[in-house]
Amino acid sequence: MEVIAKWFSGLISLFSTFRITDLIDIVIIAVLIYCILKFVRQTRAEQLLKGLIFVLLFYAVASILQLAMVTSIIKILLEFSVIILVVVFQPEIRKALEQLGRSKITKGYFKKIFQGTLFSEEANANVNKAISDVADSAILFSHTRTGALIVFERDTKLTDIATTGTVLNCDTSTAIFGNVFFNKAPLHDGACIIRDGKIFAAGCILPLNSKEVQHREIGTRHRAAIGMSEVSDAVVVVVSEETGQISLAVDGVLTRDYTRDSLAKALEEMLISDKDENDKKIFKKRKVKKPNEE
């Protein structure tokens, strides 16, 4: 009974010193751990985390068995564990920070700060012209079976991607797009990046998709479009060289069978109106059909 009484008295004394800030601290840590575990389960980091847990268990067993050399080696590795984890989990850490930067709260805050410069009427006019030119060019490419890959840059800047191609900094037009993606032209195999309604660069190399796609028949051009939309908030227009089919890739999701008008409408809603939920609405309405791509 004395033990139980001491336990209860200790518990009461603990609660007497418990503050509201302690509760907030516990909730924040719990949410952080949950987010980390959820993020890890969706990436290749899950297997790496399992390996790390195995090393820690092995270290505990080695310590119990007093294996001096083994414990010394593992201890040295654990001392540099922070640097090792940053190197090993670099893609996952970068992806998590990019997702945080594209979150509604962060995006909304910075939009309010830069409202006067980033979303001016002149910029919207340039983007409107670019949308019209891309839609016209896409339907021409569809009829002539000309492959094309056009990336609309949004909040995530793609300067590092642009350096893999040729910087143009020119106005959009169907003639320029036709010259860029002409199958004998030196830049036709790469992607064209549009920034603020102007062609920023062409012939750019995009990252391929990291996730497994539902249909393995899709070609490199479509995988590059999906990959670009996975690592950024860009809107990517793809025209198939094999079928002439027009597709859009946003947030790692590929939607297909666009006409000139439906493509222009989708681009306007995602690039002009600045509504956070437009992407989800558009991609819920359209079904992804089985591709027969290059």
C-alpha atoms as a PDB file:
ATOM      1  CA  MET A   1       0.000   0.000   0.000  1.00  0.00           C
ATOM      2  CA  GLU A   2       2.883   2.345   0.764  1.00  0.00           C
ATOM      3  CA  VAL A   3       4.279   1.788  -2.731  1.00  0.00           C
ATOM      4  CA  ILE A   4       0.902   2.590  -4.299  1.00  0.00           C
ATOM      5  CA  ALA A   5       0.541   5.664  -2.096  1.00  0.00           C
ATOM      6  CA  LYS A   6       3.999   6.896  -3.109  1.00  0.00           C
ATOM      7  CA  TRP A   7       3.165   6.285  -6.767  1.00  0.00           C
ATOM      8  CA  PHE A   8      -0.070   8.296  -6.506  1.00  0.00           C
ATOM      9  CA  SER A   9       1.645  11.109  -4.600  1.00  0.00           C
ATOM     10  CA  GLY A  10       4.361  11.250  -7.261  1.00  0.00           C
ATOM     11  CA  LEU A  11       1.705  11.329  -9.996  1.00  0.00           C
ATOM     12  CA  ILE A  12      -0.171  14.144  -8.243  1.00  0.00           C
ATOM     13  CA  SER A  13       3.016  16.155  -7.795  1.00  0.00           C
ATOM     14  CA  LEU A  14       3.793  15.655 -11.479  1.00  0.00           C
ATOM     15  CA  PHE A  15       0.380  16.964 -12.519  1.00  0.00           C
ATOM     16  CA  SER A  16       0.703  19.898 -10.140  1.00  0.00           C
ATOM     17  CA  THR A  17       3.756  21.108 -12.076  1.00  0.00           C
ATOM     18  CA  PHE A  18       2.186  20.358 -15.485  1.00  0.00           C
ATOM     19  CA  ARG A  19       1.670  23.524 -17.537  1.00  0.00           C
ATOM     20  CA  ILE A  20      -0.324  24.282 -20.665  1.00  0.00           C
ATOM     21  CA  THR A  21       2.966  24.844 -22.512  1.00  0.00           C
ATOM     22  CA  ASP A  22       3.962  21.262 -21.688  1.00  0.00           C
ATOM     23  CA  LEU A  23       0.756  20.026 -23.325  1.00  0.00           C
ATOM     24  CA  ILE A  24       1.445  22.124 -26.425  1.00  0.00           C
ATOM     25  CA  ASP A  25       5.003  20.767 -26.490  1.00  0.00           C
ATOM     26  CA  ILE A  26       3.761  17.150 -26.325  1.00  0.00           C
ATOM     27  CA  VAL A  27       1.147  17.708 -29.049  1.00  0.00           C
ATOM     28  CA  ILE A  28       3.686  19.326 -31.392  1.00  0.00           C
ATOM     29  CA  ILE A  29       6.178  16.481 -30.917  1.00  0.00           C
ATOM     30  CA  ALA A  30       3.426  13.872 -31.425  1.00  0.00           C
ATOM     31  CA  VAL A  31       2.253  15.540 -34.652  1.00  0.00           C
ATOM     32  CA  LEU A  32       5.864  15.851 -35.852  1.00  0.00           C
ATOM     33  CA  ILE A  33       6.560  12.158 -35.229  1.00  0.00           C
ATOM     34  CA  TYR A  34       3.300  11.209 -36.980  1.00  0.00           C
ATOM     35  CA  CYS A  35       4.155  13.358 -40.035  1.00  0.00           C
ATOM     36  CA  ILE A  36       7.674  11.897 -40.232  1.00  0.00           C
ATOM     37  CA  LEU A  37       6.380   8.317 -40.040  1.00  0.00           C
ATOM     38  CA  LYS A  38       3.666   9.054 -42.609  1.00  0.00           C
ATOM     39  CA  PHE A  39       6.187  10.655 -44.967  1.00  0.00           C
ATOM     40  CA  VAL A  40       8.686   7.824 -44.528  1.00  0.00           C
ATOM     41  CA  ARG A  41       6.040   5.194 -45.354  1.00  0.00           C
ATOM     42  CA  GLN A  42       5.365   6.908 -48.703  1.00  0.00           C
ATOM     43  CA  THR A  43       9.002   6.929 -49.831  1.00  0.00           C
ATOM     44  CA  ARG A  44      12.031   4.679 -50.210  1.00  0.00           C
ATOM     45  CA  ALA A  45      13.221   5.989 -46.841  1.00  0.00           C
ATOM     46  CA  GLU A  46      11.104   3.293 -45.159  1.00  0.00           C
ATOM     47  CA  GLN A  47      13.635   0.603 -46.050  1.00  0.00           C
ATOM     48  CA  LEU A  48      16.535   2.817 -44.943  1.00  0.00           C
ATOM     49  CA  LEU A  49      14.804   3.468 -41.636  1.00  0.00           C
ATOM     50  CA  LYS A  50      14.370  -0.265 -41.103  1.00  0.00           C
ATOM     51  CA  GLY A  51      18.093  -0.708 -41.710  1.00  0.00           C
ATOM     52  CA  LEU A  52      18.881   2.021 -39.161  1.00  0.00           C
ATOM     53  CA  ILE A  53      16.662   0.350 -36.551  1.00  0.00           C
ATOM     54  CA  PHE A  54      18.431  -2.956 -37.217  1.00  0.00           C
ATOM     55  CA  VAL A  55      21.825  -1.280 -36.608  1.00  0.00           C
ATOM     56  CA  LEU A  56      20.592   0.153 -33.294  1.00  0.00           C
ATOM     57  CA  LEU A  57      19.272  -3.241 -32.180  1.00  0.00           C
ATOM     58  CA  PHE A  58      22.542  -4.862 -33.203  1.00  0.00           C
ATOM     59  CA  TYR A  59      24.419  -2.243 -31.176  1.00  0.00           C
ATOM     60  CA  ALA A  60      22.264  -2.994 -28.111  1.00  0.00           C
ATOM     61  CA  VAL A  61      22.903  -6.755 -28.437  1.00  0.00           C
ATOM     62  CA  ALA A  62      26.649  -6.151 -28.912  1.00  0.00           C
ATOM     63  CA  SER A  63      26.708  -3.984 -25.784  1.00  0.00           C
ATOM     64  CA  ILE A  64      24.941  -6.670 -23.746  1.00  0.00           C
ATOM     65  CA  LEU A  65      27.387  -9.319 -24.985  1.00  0.00           C
ATOM     66  CA  GLN A  66      30.284  -6.903 -24.368  1.00  0.00           C
ATOM     67  CA  LEU A  67      31.654  -7.108 -27.916  1.00  0.00           C
ATOM     68  CA  ALA A  68      34.145  -4.279 -27.528  1.00  0.00           C
ATOM     69  CA  MET A  69      35.320  -3.915 -31.135  1.00  0.00           C
ATOM     70  CA  VAL A  70      31.828  -4.120 -32.652  1.00  0.00           C
ATOM     71  CA  THR A  71      30.368  -1.606 -30.203  1.00  0.00           C
ATOM     72  CA  SER A  72      33.286   0.771 -30.791  1.00  0.00           C
ATOM     73  CA  ILE A  73      32.783   0.736 -34.568  1.00  0.00           C
ATOM     74  CA  ILE A  74      29.022   1.216 -34.323  1.00  0.00           C
ATOM     75  CA  LYS A  75      29.492   3.963 -31.734  1.00  0.00           C
ATOM     76  CA  ILE A  76      31.774   5.857 -34.113  1.00  0.00           C
ATOM     77  CA  LEU A  77      29.169   5.523 -36.853  1.00  0.00           C
ATOM     78  CA  LEU A  78      26.399   6.766 -34.534  1.00  0.00           C
ATOM     79  CA  GLU A  79      28.469   9.826 -33.620  1.00  0.00           C
ATOM     80  CA  PHE A  80      28.326  10.865 -37.264  1.00  0.00           C
ATOM     81  CA  SER A  81      24.728   9.660 -37.673  1.00  0.00           C
ATOM     82  CA  VAL A  82      23.310  13.153 -38.256  1.00  0.00           C
ATOM     83  CA  ILE A  83      25.613  13.777 -41.228  1.00  0.00           C
ATOM     84  CA  ILE A  84      25.016  10.239 -42.526  1.00  0.00           C
ATOM     85  CA  LEU A  85      21.227  10.657 -42.280  1.00  0.00           C
ATOM     86  CA  VAL A  86      21.332  13.999 -44.122  1.00  0.00           C
ATOM     87  CA  VAL A  87      23.382  12.429 -46.944  1.00  0.00           C
ATOM     88  CA  VAL A  88      21.292   9.240 -47.164  1.00  0.00           C
ATOM     89  CA  PHE A  89      17.898  10.950 -46.844  1.00  0.00           C
ATOM     90  CA  GLN A  90      18.799  13.996 -48.957  1.00  0.00           C
ATOM     91  CA  PRO A  91      16.135  13.373 -51.667  1.00  0.00           C
ATOM     92  CA  GLU A  92      13.438  12.760 -49.054  1.00  0.00           C
ATOM     93  CA  ILE A  93      14.424  15.817 -46.987  1.00  0.00           C
ATOM     94  CA  ARG A  94      14.420  17.995 -50.095  1.00  0.00           C
ATOM     95  CA  LYS A  95      11.023  16.676 -51.141  1.00  0.00           C
ATOM     96  CA  ALA A  96       9.570  17.297 -47.660  1.00  0.00           C
ATOM     97  CA  LEU A  97      10.849  20.896 -47.614  1.00  0.00           C
ATOM     98  CA  GLU A  98       9.468  21.494 -51.119  1.00  0.00           C
ATOM     99  CA  GLN A  99       6.073  20.170 -50.047  1.00  0.00           C
ATOM    100  CA  LEU A 100       6.187  22.456 -46.997  1.00  0.00           C
ATOM    101  CA  GLY A 101       6.999  25.416 -49.211  1.00  0.00           C
ATOM    102  CA  ARG A 102       4.065  24.549 -51.499  1.00  0.00           C
ATOM    103  CA  SER A 103       1.598  24.131 -48.636  1.00  0.00           C
ATOM    104  CA  LYS A 104      -1.498  26.338 -48.566  1.00  0.00           C
ATOM    105  CA  ILE A 105      -0.370  28.259 -45.468  1.00  0.00           C
ATOM    106  CA  THR A 106       3.125  29.029 -46.776  1.00  0.00           C
ATOM    107  CA  LYS A 107       1.956  29.733 -50.304  1.00  0.00           C
ATOM    108  CA  GLY A 108      -0.837  32.019 -49.110  1.00  0.00           C
ATOM    109  CA  TYR A 109       1.505  33.968 -46.833  1.00  0.00           C
ATOM    110  CA  PHE A 110       4.057  34.668 -49.543  1.00  0.00           C
ATOM    111  CA  LYS A 111       1.349  35.487 -52.070  1.00  0.00           C
ATOM    112  CA  LYS A 112       0.119  38.246 -49.776  1.00  0.00           C
ATOM    113  CA  ILE A 113       3.647  39.623 -49.440  1.00  0.00           C
ATOM    114  CA  PHE A 114       4.361  39.660 -53.179  1.00  0.00           C
ATOM    115  CA  GLN A 115       0.825  40.276 -54.404  1.00  0.00           C
ATOM    116  CA  GLY A 116       1.787  43.520 -56.156  1.00  0.00           C
ATOM    117  CA  THR A 117       4.729  42.130 -58.143  1.00  0.00           C
ATOM    118  CA  LEU A 118       4.008  38.503 -58.930  1.00  0.00           C
ATOM    119  CA  PHE A 119       0.347  38.728 -59.917  1.00  0.00           C
ATOM    120  CA  SER A 120       0.141  41.987 -61.847  1.00  0.00           C
ATOM    121  CA  GLU A 121      -2.286  42.501 -64.707  1.00  0.00           C
ATOM    122  CA  GLU A 122       0.602  42.600 -67.178  1.00  0.00           C
ATOM    123  CA  ALA A 123       1.894  39.231 -65.966  1.00  0.00           C
ATOM    124  CA  ASN A 124      -1.593  37.708 -66.236  1.00  0.00           C
ATOM    125  CA  ALA A 125      -1.918  39.101 -69.770  1.00  0.00           C
ATOM    126  CA  ASN A 126       1.372  37.459 -70.762  1.00  0.00           C
ATOM    127  CA  VAL A 127       0.282  34.160 -69.214  1.00  0.00           C
ATOM    128  CA  ASN A 128      -3.070  34.365 -71.017  1.00  0.00           C
ATOM    129  CA  LYS A 129      -1.283  34.822 -74.345  1.00  0.00           C
ATOM    130  CA  ALA A 130       1.066  31.930 -73.544  1.00  0.00           C
ATOM    131  CA  ILE A 131      -1.897  29.673 -72.711  1.00  0.00           C
ATOM    132  CA  SER A 132      -3.581  30.528 -76.015  1.00  0.00           C
ATOM    133  CA  ASP A 133      -0.374  29.939 -77.997  1.00  0.00           C
ATOM    134  CA  VAL A 134       0.324  26.621 -76.233  1.00  0.00           C
ATOM    135  CA  ALA A 135      -3.242  25.413 -76.797  1.00  0.00           C
ATOM    136  CA  ASP A 136      -3.056  26.336 -80.506  1.00  0.00           C
ATOM    137  CA  SER A 137       0.372  24.713 -80.855  1.00  0.00           C
ATOM    138  CA  ALA A 138      -0.713  21.569 -79.003  1.00  0.00           C
ATOM    139  CA  ILE A 139      -3.644  20.952 -81.344  1.00  0.00           C
ATOM    140  CA  LEU A 140      -1.352  21.472 -84.377  1.00  0.00           C
ATOM    141  CA  PHE A 141       1.201  19.057 -82.927  1.00  0.00           C
ATOM    142  CA  SER A 142      -1.622  16.596 -82.247  1.00  0.00           C
ATOM    143  CA  HIS A 143      -2.673  16.651 -85.922  1.00  0.00           C
ATOM    144  CA  THR A 144       0.894  16.317 -87.226  1.00  0.00           C
ATOM    145  CA  ARG A 145       1.963  13.732 -84.600  1.00  0.00           C
ATOM    146  CA  THR A 146       4.737  16.002 -83.321  1.00  0.00           C
ATOM    147  CA  GLY A 147       5.971  15.230 -79.821  1.00  0.00           C
ATOM    148  CA  ALA A 148       6.090  18.190 -77.441  1.00  0.00           C
ATOM    149  CA  LEU A 149       6.801  18.837 -73.772  1.00  0.00           C
ATOM    150  CA  ILE A 150       5.903  22.290 -72.392  1.00  0.00           C
ATOM    151  CA  VAL A 151       6.342  23.218 -68.724  1.00  0.00           C
ATOM    152  CA  PHE A 152       4.485  26.116 -67.110  1.00  0.00           C
ATOM    153  CA  GLU A 153       6.497  27.318 -64.127  1.00  0.00           C
ATOM    154  CA  ARG A 154       4.501  28.367 -61.067  1.00  0.00           C
ATOM    155  CA  ASP A 155       5.769  29.062 -57.524  1.00  0.00           C
ATOM    156  CA  THR A 156       8.709  26.630 -57.710  1.00  0.00           C
ATOM    157  CA  LYS A 157      11.442  28.212 -59.835  1.00  0.00           C
ATOM    158  CA  LEU A 158      13.028  25.894 -62.411  1.00  0.00           C
ATOM    159  CA  THR A 159      16.272  27.737 -63.123  1.00  0.00           C
ATOM    160  CA  ASP A 160      18.331  24.610 -62.384  1.00  0.00           C
ATOM    161  CA  ILE A 161      16.284  22.695 -64.980  1.00  0.00           C
ATOM    162  CA  ALA A 162      16.600  25.560 -67.480  1.00  0.00           C
ATOM    163  CA  THR A 163      20.405  25.404 -67.286  1.00  0.00           C
ATOM    164  CA  THR A 164      20.264  21.929 -68.891  1.00  0.00           C
ATOM    165  CA  GLY A 165      18.852  23.514 -72.055  1.00  0.00           C
ATOM    166  CA  THR A 166      19.161  26.789 -73.955  1.00  0.00           C
ATOM    167  CA  VAL A 167      17.888  30.035 -72.433  1.00  0.00           C
ATOM    168  CA  LEU A 168      15.692  31.960 -74.923  1.00  0.00           C
ATOM    169  CA  ASN A 169      13.743  34.612 -72.971  1.00  0.00           C
ATOM    170  CA  CYS A 170      11.342  35.297 -75.830  1.00  0.00           C
ATOM    171  CA  ASP A 171       7.612  35.789 -76.342  1.00  0.00           C
ATOM    172  CA  THR A 172       5.454  32.780 -77.094  1.00  0.00           C
ATOM    173  CA  SER A 173       3.974  32.054 -80.522  1.00  0.00           C
ATOM    174  CA  THR A 174       2.886  29.023 -82.507  1.00  0.00           C
ATOM    175  CA  ALA A 175       5.721  29.690 -84.965  1.00  0.00           C
ATOM    176  CA  ILE A 176       8.372  29.546 -82.240  1.00  0.00           C
ATOM    177  CA  PHE A 177       6.884  26.405 -80.704  1.00  0.00           C
ATOM    178  CA  GLY A 178       6.785  24.866 -84.172  1.00  0.00           C
ATOM    179  CA  ASN A 179      10.479  25.605 -84.700  1.00  0.00           C
ATOM    180  CA  VAL A 180      11.466  24.371 -81.233  1.00  0.00           C
ATOM    181  CA  PHE A 181       9.657  21.030 -81.534  1.00  0.00           C
ATOM    182  CA  PHE A 182      10.299  20.396 -85.246  1.00  0.00           C
ATOM    183  CA  ASN A 183      11.641  16.844 -85.308  1.00  0.00           C
ATOM    184  CA  LYS A 184      14.873  17.876 -87.057  1.00  0.00           C
ATOM    185  CA  ALA A 185      15.544  20.801 -84.715  1.00  0.00           C
ATOM    186  CA  PRO A 186      18.320  20.435 -82.097  1.00  0.00           C
ATOM    187  CA  LEU A 187      15.986  21.348 -79.199  1.00  0.00           C
ATOM    188  CA  HIS A 188      12.995  19.168 -80.088  1.00  0.00           C
ATOM    189  CA  ASP A 189      13.836  16.294 -77.715  1.00  0.00           C
ATOM    190  CA  GLY A 190      13.890  18.492 -74.608  1.00  0.00           C
ATOM    191  CA  ALA A 191      11.231  20.430 -72.735  1.00  0.00           C
ATOM    192  CA  CYS A 192      10.259  24.054 -73.122  1.00  0.00           C
ATOM    193  CA  ILE A 193       9.893  26.066 -69.882  1.00  0.00           C
ATOM    194  CA  ILE A 194       7.492  29.008 -69.725  1.00  0.00           C
ATOM    195  CA  ARG A 195       8.067  31.593 -67.002  1.00  0.00           C
ATOM    196  CA  ASP A 196       5.688  34.554 -66.501  1.00  0.00           C
ATOM    197  CA  GLY A 197       4.146  34.005 -69.918  1.00  0.00           C
ATOM    198  CA  LYS A 198       7.443  33.938 -71.840  1.00  0.00           C
ATOM    199  CA  ILE A 199       9.588  31.077 -73.146  1.00  0.00           C
ATOM    200  CA  PHE A 200      12.398  30.996 -70.593  1.00  0.00           C
ATOM    201  CA  ALA A 201      14.354  28.028 -71.983  1.00  0.00           C
ATOM    202  CA  ALA A 202      14.062  25.135 -74.442  1.00  0.00           C
ATOM    203  CA  GLY A 203      15.736  21.765 -74.912  1.00  0.00           C
ATOM    204  CA  CYS A 204      15.686  21.181 -71.145  1.00  0.00           C
ATOM    205  CA  ILE A 205      16.153  17.758 -69.569  1.00  0.00           C
ATOM    206  CA  LEU A 206      13.478  16.885 -67.001  1.00  0.00           C
ATOM    207  CA  PRO A 207      13.744  14.359 -64.148  1.00  0.00           C
ATOM    208  CA  LEU A 208      11.906  11.078 -64.714  1.00  0.00           C
ATOM    209  CA  ASN A 209       9.126   9.968 -62.396  1.00  0.00           C
ATOM    210  CA  SER A 210      10.211   8.345 -59.123  1.00  0.00           C
ATOM    211  CA  LYS A 211       6.914   6.608 -58.343  1.00  0.00           C
ATOM    212  CA  GLU A 212       5.657   3.509 -60.091  1.00  0.00           C
ATOM    213  CA  VAL A 213       3.112   4.348 -62.771  1.00  0.00           C
ATOM    214  CA  GLN A 214      -0.066   2.369 -63.231  1.00  0.00           C
ATOM    215  CA  HIS A 215       0.578   1.736 -66.911  1.00  0.00           C
ATOM    216  CA  ARG A 216       4.101   0.734 -67.852  1.00  0.00           C
ATOM    217  CA  GLU A 217       3.531   1.441 -71.549  1.00  0.00           C
ATOM    218  CA  ILE A 218       3.983   5.208 -71.257  1.00  0.00           C
ATOM    219  CA  GLY A 219       7.155   6.561 -72.799  1.00  0.00           C
ATOM    220  CA  THR A 220      10.028   8.729 -71.641  1.00  0.00           C
ATOM    221  CA  ARG A 221       8.334  12.006 -72.579  1.00  0.00           C
ATOM    222  CA  HIS A 222       5.330  11.284 -70.345  1.00  0.00           C
ATOM    223  CA  ARG A 223       7.525   9.932 -67.534  1.00  0.00           C
ATOM    224  CA  ALA A 224       9.515  13.157 -67.649  1.00  0.00           C
ATOM    225  CA  ALA A 225       6.293  15.177 -67.448  1.00  0.00           C
ATOM    226  CA  ILE A 226       5.136  13.211 -64.403  1.00  0.00           C
ATOM    227  CA  GLY A 227       8.590  13.459 -62.826  1.00  0.00           C
ATOM    228  CA  MET A 228       8.685  17.245 -63.275  1.00  0.00           C
ATOM    229  CA  SER A 229       5.245  17.590 -61.686  1.00  0.00           C
ATOM    230  CA  GLU A 230       6.349  15.394 -58.758  1.00  0.00           C
ATOM    231  CA  VAL A 231       9.315  17.564 -57.752  1.00  0.00           C
ATOM    232  CA  SER A 232       7.639  20.936 -58.394  1.00  0.00           C
ATOM    233  CA  ASP A 233       4.231  22.587 -58.698  1.00  0.00           C
ATOM    234  CA  ALA A 234       4.677  23.025 -62.457  1.00  0.00           C
ATOM    235  CA  VAL A 235       1.912  22.291 -64.969  1.00  0.00           C
ATOM    236  CA  VAL A 236       3.273  20.173 -67.821  1.00  0.00           C
ATOM    237  CA  VAL A 237       1.646  19.823 -71.249  1.00  0.00           C
ATOM    238  CA  VAL A 238       2.554  16.709 -73.251  1.00  0.00           C
ATOM    239  CA  VAL A 239       1.742  15.845 -76.852  1.00  0.00           C
ATOM    240  CA  SER A 240       2.314  12.242 -77.860  1.00  0.00           C
ATOM    241  CA  GLU A 241       4.422  11.626 -80.946  1.00  0.00           C
ATOM    242  CA  GLU A 242       2.802   8.209 -81.427  1.00  0.00           C
ATOM    243  CA  THR A 243      -0.905   9.027 -81.029  1.00  0.00           C
ATOM    244  CA  GLY A 244      -1.080  12.812 -81.024  1.00  0.00           C
ATOM    245  CA  GLN A 245      -2.895  12.687 -77.702  1.00  0.00           C
ATOM    246  CA  ILE A 246      -2.680  15.812 -75.505  1.00  0.00           C
ATOM    247  CA  SER A 247      -2.065  15.282 -71.775  1.00  0.00           C
ATOM    248  CA  LEU A 248      -1.468  17.314 -68.620  1.00  0.00           C
ATOM    249  CA  ALA A 249       0.724  16.371 -65.658  1.00  0.00           C
ATOM    250  CA  VAL A 250       0.176  18.070 -62.282  1.00  0.00           C
ATOM    251  CA  ASP A 251       1.295  16.876 -58.824  1.00  0.00           C
ATOM    252  CA  GLY A 252       2.440  13.546 -60.247  1.00  0.00           C
ATOM    253  CA  VAL A 253      -0.938  12.826 -61.892  1.00  0.00           C
ATOM    254  CA  LEU A 254      -1.318  12.482 -65.669  1.00  0.00           C
ATOM    255  CA  THR A 255      -4.691  13.319 -67.256  1.00  0.00           C
ATOM    256  CA  ARG A 256      -5.389  12.857 -70.951  1.00  0.00           C
ATOM    257  CA  ASP A 257      -7.603  13.362 -74.007  1.00  0.00           C
ATOM    258  CA  TYR A 258      -7.595  17.163 -74.002  1.00  0.00           C
ATOM    259  CA  THR A 259      -8.978  19.238 -76.850  1.00  0.00           C
ATOM    260  CA  ARG A 260      -7.874  22.771 -77.671  1.00  0.00           C
ATOM    261  CA  ASP A 261     -10.659  24.345 -75.596  1.00  0.00           C
ATOM    262  CA  SER A 262     -10.453  21.960 -72.630  1.00  0.00           C
ATOM    263  CA  LEU A 263      -6.663  22.400 -72.479  1.00  0.00           C
ATOM    264  CA  ALA A 264      -6.924  26.191 -72.530  1.00  0.00           C
ATOM    265  CA  LYS A 265      -9.644  26.137 -69.854  1.00  0.00           C
ATOM    266  CA  ALA A 266      -7.634  23.827 -67.574  1.00  0.00           C
ATOM    267  CA  LEU A 267      -4.499  25.954 -67.937  1.00  0.00           C
ATOM    268  CA  GLU A 268      -6.419  29.162 -67.232  1.00  0.00           C
ATOM    269  CA  GLU A 269      -7.941  27.725 -64.080  1.00  0.00           C
ATOM    270  CA  MET A 270      -4.565  26.513 -62.800  1.00  0.00           C
ATOM    271  CA  LEU A 271      -2.395  29.438 -63.850  1.00  0.00           C
ATOM    272  CA  ILE A 272      -4.638  32.513 -63.808  1.00  0.00           C
ATOM    273  CA  SER A 273      -7.432  32.223 -61.264  1.00  0.00           C
ATOM    274  CA  ASP A 274      -5.064  31.236 -58.400  1.00  0.00           C
ATOM    275  CA  LYS A 275      -7.623  29.031 -56.687  1.00  0.00           C
ATOM    276  CA  ASP A 276      -5.972  26.448 -54.451  1.00  0.00           C
ATOM    277  CA  GLU A 277      -8.496  23.698 -55.131  1.00  0.00           C
ATOM    278  CA  ASN A 278      -8.642  23.968 -58.926  1.00  0.00           C
ATOM    279  CA  ASP A 279      -6.018  21.286 -59.552  1.00  0.00           C
ATOM    280  CA  LYS A 280      -7.935  18.725 -57.484  1.00  0.00           C
ATOM    281  CA  LYS A 281     -11.287  19.578 -59.090  1.00  0.00           C
ATOM    282  CA  ILE A 282      -9.941  19.291 -62.628  1.00  0.00           C
ATOM    283  CA  PHE A 283      -8.161  16.006 -62.007  1.00  0.00           C
ATOM    284  CA  LYS A 284     -11.125  14.461 -60.219  1.00  0.00           C
ATOM    285  CA  LYS A 285     -13.430  15.217 -63.150  1.00  0.00           C
ATOM    286  CA  ARG A 286     -11.161  13.619 -65.757  1.00  0.00           C
ATOM    287  CA  LYS A 287     -10.392   9.910 -65.847  1.00  0.00           C
ATOM    288  CA  VAL A 288      -6.920   8.654 -66.721  1.00  0.00           C
ATOM    289  CA  LYS A 289      -7.254   6.335 -69.684  1.00  0.00           C
ATOM    290  CA  LYS A 290      -4.878   3.513 -70.517  1.00  0.00           C
ATOM    291  CA  PRO A 291      -2.041   5.000 -72.568  1.00  0.00           C
ATOM    292  CA  ASN A 292      -0.541   3.720 -75.784  1.00  0.00           C
ATOM    293  CA  GLU A 293       2.444   6.000 -75.808  1.00  0.00           C
ATOM    294  CA  GLU A 294       5.910   6.000 -77.305  1.00  0.00           C
END
